[in-house]
Amino acid sequence: MNLYSVLVYLTAACILVSVVNLIVSRHAVTLGLVTPVQYRIRAATIVVVLLTLFMGLWWLKT
């Protein structure tokens, strides 16, 4: 198993964790535990991290 395959699996795991995190965070907003601004900041951070991972994978593939 080469480095690229390991990174693909890690990226898939990060996507799964990110989706679960966003779902739980959205429920926290509904319950009033997190403000909508905090939720948006968290969602934006997750999107930036995932884009960075995808750019790294693309860079390794080319």
Protein backbone atom coordinates (compact mmCIF):
# COMPACT_ATOMS: atom_id res chain seq x y z
CA MET A 1 0.00 0.00 0.00
CA ASN A 2 1.59 3.25 -1.10
CA LEU A 3 1.36 6.74 0.39
CA TYR A 4 -1.35 7.86 -2.02
CA SER A 5 -3.66 4.98 -1.02
CA VAL A 6 -3.18 5.75 2.65
CA LEU A 7 -4.01 9.41 2.05
CA VAL A 8 -7.15 8.48 0.11
CA TYR A 9 -8.38 6.38 3.04
CA LEU A 10 -7.52 9.14 5.52
CA THR A 11 -9.37 11.68 3.39
CA ALA A 12 -12.43 9.42 3.27
CA ALA A 13 -12.30 9.09 7.05
CA CYS A 14 -12.00 12.87 7.42
CA ILE A 15 -15.06 13.36 5.20
CA LEU A 16 -17.07 10.95 7.35
CA VAL A 17 -16.00 12.64 10.58
CA SER A 18 -16.72 16.07 9.10
CA VAL A 19 -20.25 15.12 8.06
CA VAL A 20 -20.99 13.71 11.51
CA ASN A 21 -19.50 16.82 13.12
CA LEU A 22 -21.71 19.10 11.01
CA ILE A 23 -24.84 17.08 11.84
CA VAL A 24 -24.09 17.14 15.57
CA SER A 25 -23.24 20.85 15.41
CA ARG A 26 -26.51 21.60 13.64
CA HIS A 27 -28.41 19.81 16.39
CA ALA A 28 -26.43 21.83 18.95
CA VAL A 29 -27.61 25.02 17.22
CA THR A 30 -31.20 23.75 17.37
CA LEU A 31 -30.82 23.10 21.11
CA GLY A 32 -29.20 26.49 21.69
CA LEU A 33 -25.83 25.09 22.76
CA VAL A 34 -23.98 26.71 19.85
CA THR A 35 -24.71 30.02 18.17
CA PRO A 36 -25.33 30.11 14.41
CA VAL A 37 -22.15 32.17 13.97
CA GLN A 38 -20.07 29.49 15.70
CA TYR A 39 -21.70 26.87 13.48
CA ARG A 40 -20.84 28.84 10.33
CA ILE A 41 -17.24 29.26 11.46
CA ARG A 42 -16.98 25.53 12.17
CA ALA A 43 -18.51 24.65 8.80
CA ALA A 44 -16.17 27.04 6.96
CA THR A 45 -13.15 25.57 8.74
CA ILE A 46 -14.20 22.04 7.79
CA VAL A 47 -14.67 23.04 4.15
CA VAL A 48 -11.23 24.69 4.01
CA VAL A 49 -9.54 21.65 5.56
CA LEU A 50 -11.28 19.25 3.17
CA LEU A 51 -10.32 21.42 0.18
CA THR A 52 -6.72 21.38 1.39
CA LEU A 53 -6.80 17.59 1.61
CA PHE A 54 -8.24 17.29 -1.90
CA MET A 55 -5.63 19.70 -3.27
CA GLY A 56 -2.89 17.62 -1.64
CA LEU A 57 -4.27 14.44 -3.18
CA TRP A 58 -4.52 16.10 -6.58
CA TRP A 59 -0.95 17.36 -6.27
CA LEU A 60 0.30 13.87 -5.39
CA LYS A 61 -1.60 12.28 -8.27
CA THR A 62 -0.16 14.62 -10.91
